[in-house]
Amino acid sequence: MTRAVWNGVVIAESDATVVVEGNHYFPPVAIRREHFRDSATHTVCGWKGTASYYDVVAGDAVNRDAAWFYPEPKNAASQIAGYVAFWRGVKVGS
């Protein structure tokens, strides 16, 4: 089981992550939605497409843009459509 933990809280958990470029992408059903808040941030990857972001919230703490996903990835990254990955101090492991 792979878990994403931030500020001492498990924010995602799955045994079906997809690893791309060293990042674990969690299926949408694996994230605990109460810890995610929509962000207006978007970035573009040449081969994956346009990424959208979430702020991660745990307790009173907010980790801005700490999670990202590709709602409509390019064909080369279709296996991660809607899957969520993390950075900015979110610890991912088993």
N, C-alpha and C. Protein backbone atom coordinates (compact mmCIF):
# COMPACT_ATOMS: atom_id res chain seq x y z
N MET A 1 0.85 -1.18 0.00
CA MET A 1 0.00 0.00 0.00
C MET A 1 0.89 1.24 0.00
N THR A 2 0.63 2.15 -0.91
CA THR A 2 1.38 3.40 -0.98
C THR A 2 0.53 4.50 -0.37
N ARG A 3 1.16 5.33 0.46
CA ARG A 3 0.45 6.41 1.15
C ARG A 3 1.12 7.74 0.85
N ALA A 4 0.29 8.78 0.82
CA ALA A 4 0.78 10.16 0.77
C ALA A 4 0.41 10.79 2.10
N VAL A 5 1.42 11.34 2.80
CA VAL A 5 1.21 11.90 4.14
C VAL A 5 1.75 13.32 4.18
N TRP A 6 0.96 14.22 4.73
CA TRP A 6 1.43 15.59 4.94
C TRP A 6 0.90 16.09 6.27
N ASN A 7 1.76 16.75 7.02
CA ASN A 7 1.41 17.31 8.33
C ASN A 7 0.83 16.24 9.26
N GLY A 8 1.36 15.00 9.13
CA GLY A 8 0.93 13.90 9.98
C GLY A 8 -0.38 13.26 9.60
N VAL A 9 -0.96 13.65 8.45
CA VAL A 9 -2.26 13.14 8.02
C VAL A 9 -2.11 12.36 6.72
N VAL A 10 -2.72 11.16 6.66
CA VAL A 10 -2.76 10.40 5.40
C VAL A 10 -3.78 11.08 4.50
N ILE A 11 -3.31 11.57 3.34
CA ILE A 11 -4.20 12.29 2.43
C ILE A 11 -4.57 11.46 1.20
N ALA A 12 -3.83 10.37 0.97
CA ALA A 12 -4.14 9.45 -0.12
C ALA A 12 -3.52 8.10 0.20
N GLU A 13 -4.17 7.04 -0.28
CA GLU A 13 -3.71 5.68 0.02
C GLU A 13 -4.22 4.75 -1.07
N SER A 14 -3.30 3.96 -1.67
CA SER A 14 -3.71 3.05 -2.74
C SER A 14 -2.67 1.98 -2.97
N ASP A 15 -3.11 0.85 -3.49
CA ASP A 15 -2.18 -0.17 -3.95
C ASP A 15 -2.19 -0.22 -5.48
N ALA A 16 -2.70 0.85 -6.09
CA ALA A 16 -2.80 0.90 -7.56
C ALA A 16 -2.28 2.23 -8.11
N THR A 17 -1.16 2.73 -7.55
CA THR A 17 -0.60 3.96 -8.09
C THR A 17 0.10 3.66 -9.41
N VAL A 18 0.27 4.69 -10.22
CA VAL A 18 1.02 4.59 -11.47
C VAL A 18 2.24 5.50 -11.32
N VAL A 19 3.43 4.96 -11.55
CA VAL A 19 4.65 5.74 -11.39
C VAL A 19 5.07 6.29 -12.76
N VAL A 20 5.18 7.62 -12.83
CA VAL A 20 5.63 8.31 -14.04
C VAL A 20 6.69 9.32 -13.62
N GLU A 21 7.84 9.23 -14.26
CA GLU A 21 8.97 10.12 -13.95
C GLU A 21 9.28 10.16 -12.45
N GLY A 22 9.17 9.02 -11.78
CA GLY A 22 9.50 8.91 -10.37
C GLY A 22 8.41 9.37 -9.42
N ASN A 23 7.28 9.84 -9.94
CA ASN A 23 6.17 10.28 -9.09
C ASN A 23 5.06 9.24 -9.07
N HIS A 24 4.55 8.97 -7.88
CA HIS A 24 3.39 8.09 -7.74
C HIS A 24 2.13 8.90 -8.02
N TYR A 25 1.36 8.46 -8.98
CA TYR A 25 0.06 9.07 -9.28
C TYR A 25 -1.02 8.18 -8.67
N PHE A 26 -1.83 8.77 -7.79
CA PHE A 26 -2.87 8.03 -7.07
C PHE A 26 -4.19 8.11 -7.84
N PRO A 27 -4.93 6.99 -7.91
CA PRO A 27 -6.25 7.04 -8.55
C PRO A 27 -7.14 8.05 -7.83
N PRO A 28 -8.05 8.69 -8.56
CA PRO A 28 -8.92 9.70 -7.93
C PRO A 28 -9.67 9.19 -6.71
N VAL A 29 -10.07 7.92 -6.71
CA VAL A 29 -10.82 7.37 -5.57
C VAL A 29 -9.95 7.17 -4.34
N ALA A 30 -8.62 7.28 -4.50
CA ALA A 30 -7.70 7.03 -3.39
C ALA A 30 -7.41 8.27 -2.55
N ILE A 31 -7.80 9.45 -3.05
CA ILE A 31 -7.50 10.66 -2.27
C ILE A 31 -8.64 10.96 -1.31
N ARG A 32 -8.26 11.49 -0.17
CA ARG A 32 -9.25 11.86 0.85
C ARG A 32 -9.65 13.31 0.59
N ARG A 33 -10.76 13.46 -0.11
CA ARG A 33 -11.20 14.76 -0.66
C ARG A 33 -11.27 15.89 0.36
N GLU A 34 -11.51 15.55 1.62
CA GLU A 34 -11.62 16.62 2.62
C GLU A 34 -10.29 17.36 2.82
N HIS A 35 -9.20 16.80 2.30
CA HIS A 35 -7.89 17.43 2.45
C HIS A 35 -7.43 18.16 1.18
N PHE A 36 -8.35 18.33 0.22
CA PHE A 36 -7.99 18.95 -1.06
C PHE A 36 -8.89 20.13 -1.35
N ARG A 37 -8.26 21.20 -1.84
CA ARG A 37 -8.98 22.41 -2.21
C ARG A 37 -8.51 22.82 -3.60
N ASP A 38 -9.44 23.12 -4.50
CA ASP A 38 -9.08 23.52 -5.85
C ASP A 38 -8.15 24.73 -5.84
N SER A 39 -7.21 24.73 -6.77
CA SER A 39 -6.28 25.84 -6.96
C SER A 39 -6.47 26.36 -8.39
N ALA A 40 -6.16 27.62 -8.60
CA ALA A 40 -6.27 28.22 -9.94
C ALA A 40 -5.00 27.98 -10.76
N THR A 41 -4.00 27.32 -10.18
CA THR A 41 -2.72 27.10 -10.85
C THR A 41 -2.81 26.04 -11.94
N HIS A 42 -2.13 26.30 -13.05
CA HIS A 42 -2.00 25.34 -14.15
C HIS A 42 -0.58 25.43 -14.70
N THR A 43 -0.04 24.30 -15.10
CA THR A 43 1.26 24.27 -15.78
C THR A 43 1.13 23.36 -16.98
N VAL A 44 2.10 23.45 -17.90
CA VAL A 44 2.05 22.63 -19.11
C VAL A 44 3.30 21.78 -19.21
N CYS A 45 3.10 20.50 -19.45
CA CYS A 45 4.18 19.55 -19.72
C CYS A 45 4.11 19.20 -21.21
N GLY A 46 5.24 19.20 -21.87
CA GLY A 46 5.28 18.94 -23.30
C GLY A 46 4.66 17.63 -23.74
N TRP A 47 4.82 16.57 -22.93
CA TRP A 47 4.28 15.28 -23.36
C TRP A 47 3.05 14.83 -22.58
N LYS A 48 2.81 15.42 -21.40
CA LYS A 48 1.63 15.00 -20.62
C LYS A 48 0.44 15.93 -20.83
N GLY A 49 0.69 17.21 -21.08
CA GLY A 49 -0.40 18.15 -21.28
C GLY A 49 -0.49 19.18 -20.17
N THR A 50 -1.69 19.70 -19.93
CA THR A 50 -1.90 20.76 -18.94
C THR A 50 -2.29 20.16 -17.59
N ALA A 51 -1.54 20.52 -16.56
CA ALA A 51 -1.80 20.04 -15.21
C ALA A 51 -2.62 21.07 -14.44
N SER A 52 -3.52 20.56 -13.62
CA SER A 52 -4.26 21.38 -12.66
C SER A 52 -3.74 21.02 -11.28
N TYR A 53 -3.98 21.91 -10.30
CA TYR A 53 -3.43 21.72 -8.96
C TYR A 53 -4.49 21.79 -7.88
N TYR A 54 -4.14 21.18 -6.74
CA TYR A 54 -4.92 21.29 -5.51
C TYR A 54 -4.01 21.84 -4.42
N ASP A 55 -4.57 22.62 -3.52
CA ASP A 55 -3.93 22.90 -2.25
C ASP A 55 -4.24 21.72 -1.34
N VAL A 56 -3.28 21.32 -0.53
CA VAL A 56 -3.49 20.24 0.44
C VAL A 56 -3.72 20.88 1.80
N VAL A 57 -4.77 20.45 2.48
CA VAL A 57 -5.17 21.03 3.76
C VAL A 57 -5.18 19.93 4.82
N ALA A 58 -4.48 20.18 5.94
CA ALA A 58 -4.48 19.23 7.06
C ALA A 58 -4.48 20.04 8.34
N GLY A 59 -5.56 19.94 9.08
CA GLY A 59 -5.71 20.77 10.27
C GLY A 59 -5.85 22.22 9.83
N ASP A 60 -5.10 23.11 10.47
CA ASP A 60 -5.13 24.53 10.10
C ASP A 60 -4.07 24.87 9.05
N ALA A 61 -3.29 23.89 8.62
CA ALA A 61 -2.19 24.14 7.69
C ALA A 61 -2.62 23.93 6.24
N VAL A 62 -2.10 24.78 5.35
CA VAL A 62 -2.37 24.69 3.92
C VAL A 62 -1.05 24.61 3.17
N ASN A 63 -0.92 23.62 2.30
CA ASN A 63 0.26 23.44 1.47
C ASN A 63 -0.19 23.76 0.03
N ARG A 64 0.09 25.01 -0.40
CA ARG A 64 -0.42 25.47 -1.69
C ARG A 64 0.16 24.70 -2.87
N ASP A 65 -0.72 24.30 -3.76
CA ASP A 65 -0.35 23.63 -5.02
C ASP A 65 0.52 22.38 -4.79
N ALA A 66 0.29 21.68 -3.70
CA ALA A 66 1.11 20.51 -3.36
C ALA A 66 0.70 19.24 -4.09
N ALA A 67 -0.44 19.28 -4.77
CA ALA A 67 -0.91 18.11 -5.52
C ALA A 67 -1.26 18.56 -6.93
N TRP A 68 -0.97 17.70 -7.91
CA TRP A 68 -1.33 18.03 -9.28
C TRP A 68 -1.92 16.82 -9.99
N PHE A 69 -2.65 17.10 -11.06
CA PHE A 69 -3.26 16.05 -11.85
C PHE A 69 -3.49 16.56 -13.27
N TYR A 70 -3.67 15.62 -14.18
CA TYR A 70 -3.93 15.95 -15.58
C TYR A 70 -5.36 15.52 -15.92
N PRO A 71 -6.31 16.48 -15.94
CA PRO A 71 -7.70 16.10 -16.21
C PRO A 71 -7.90 15.54 -17.62
N GLU A 72 -7.16 16.08 -18.59
CA GLU A 72 -7.24 15.61 -19.97
C GLU A 72 -5.84 15.52 -20.56
N PRO A 73 -5.07 14.50 -20.15
CA PRO A 73 -3.69 14.41 -20.62
C PRO A 73 -3.62 14.07 -22.11
N LYS A 74 -2.44 14.32 -22.68
CA LYS A 74 -2.18 13.89 -24.05
C LYS A 74 -2.18 12.37 -24.08
N ASN A 75 -2.30 11.80 -25.28
CA ASN A 75 -2.39 10.34 -25.44
C ASN A 75 -1.24 9.59 -24.77
N ALA A 76 -0.04 10.14 -24.80
CA ALA A 76 1.13 9.46 -24.22
C ALA A 76 1.00 9.27 -22.72
N ALA A 77 0.16 10.08 -22.07
CA ALA A 77 0.00 10.00 -20.61
C ALA A 77 -1.43 9.62 -20.22
N SER A 78 -2.16 9.00 -21.12
CA SER A 78 -3.58 8.71 -20.87
C SER A 78 -3.80 7.85 -19.64
N GLN A 79 -2.79 7.05 -19.24
CA GLN A 79 -2.95 6.17 -18.08
C GLN A 79 -3.04 6.92 -16.76
N ILE A 80 -2.71 8.22 -16.76
CA ILE A 80 -2.79 8.99 -15.51
C ILE A 80 -3.91 10.03 -15.54
N ALA A 81 -4.83 9.91 -16.43
CA ALA A 81 -5.95 10.87 -16.50
C ALA A 81 -6.67 10.93 -15.15
N GLY A 82 -6.68 12.11 -14.53
CA GLY A 82 -7.35 12.30 -13.26
C GLY A 82 -6.59 11.82 -12.04
N TYR A 83 -5.48 11.11 -12.25
CA TYR A 83 -4.69 10.61 -11.11
C TYR A 83 -3.92 11.77 -10.48
N VAL A 84 -3.67 11.68 -9.17
CA VAL A 84 -3.10 12.80 -8.41
C VAL A 84 -1.69 12.46 -7.90
N ALA A 85 -0.75 13.39 -8.11
CA ALA A 85 0.63 13.23 -7.62
C ALA A 85 0.94 14.38 -6.66
N PHE A 86 2.06 14.25 -5.94
CA PHE A 86 2.39 15.20 -4.86
C PHE A 86 3.83 15.65 -4.90
N TRP A 87 4.05 16.81 -4.27
CA TRP A 87 5.39 17.35 -4.03
C TRP A 87 5.29 18.33 -2.88
N ARG A 88 6.25 19.22 -2.73
CA ARG A 88 6.26 20.24 -1.68
C ARG A 88 6.11 19.69 -0.27
N GLY A 89 6.88 18.65 0.02
CA GLY A 89 6.91 18.13 1.39
C GLY A 89 5.94 17.02 1.69
N VAL A 90 5.09 16.67 0.74
CA VAL A 90 4.19 15.52 0.95
C VAL A 90 5.04 14.27 0.82
N LYS A 91 5.02 13.42 1.83
CA LYS A 91 5.82 12.20 1.83
C LYS A 91 5.01 11.06 1.22
N VAL A 92 5.60 10.41 0.20
CA VAL A 92 4.94 9.30 -0.48
C VAL A 92 5.79 8.06 -0.31
N GLY A 93 5.18 6.97 0.17
CA GLY A 93 5.90 5.72 0.35
C GLY A 93 4.98 4.66 0.92
N SER A 94 5.59 3.50 1.20
CA SER A 94 4.78 2.41 1.75
C SER A 94 4.88 2.35 3.25
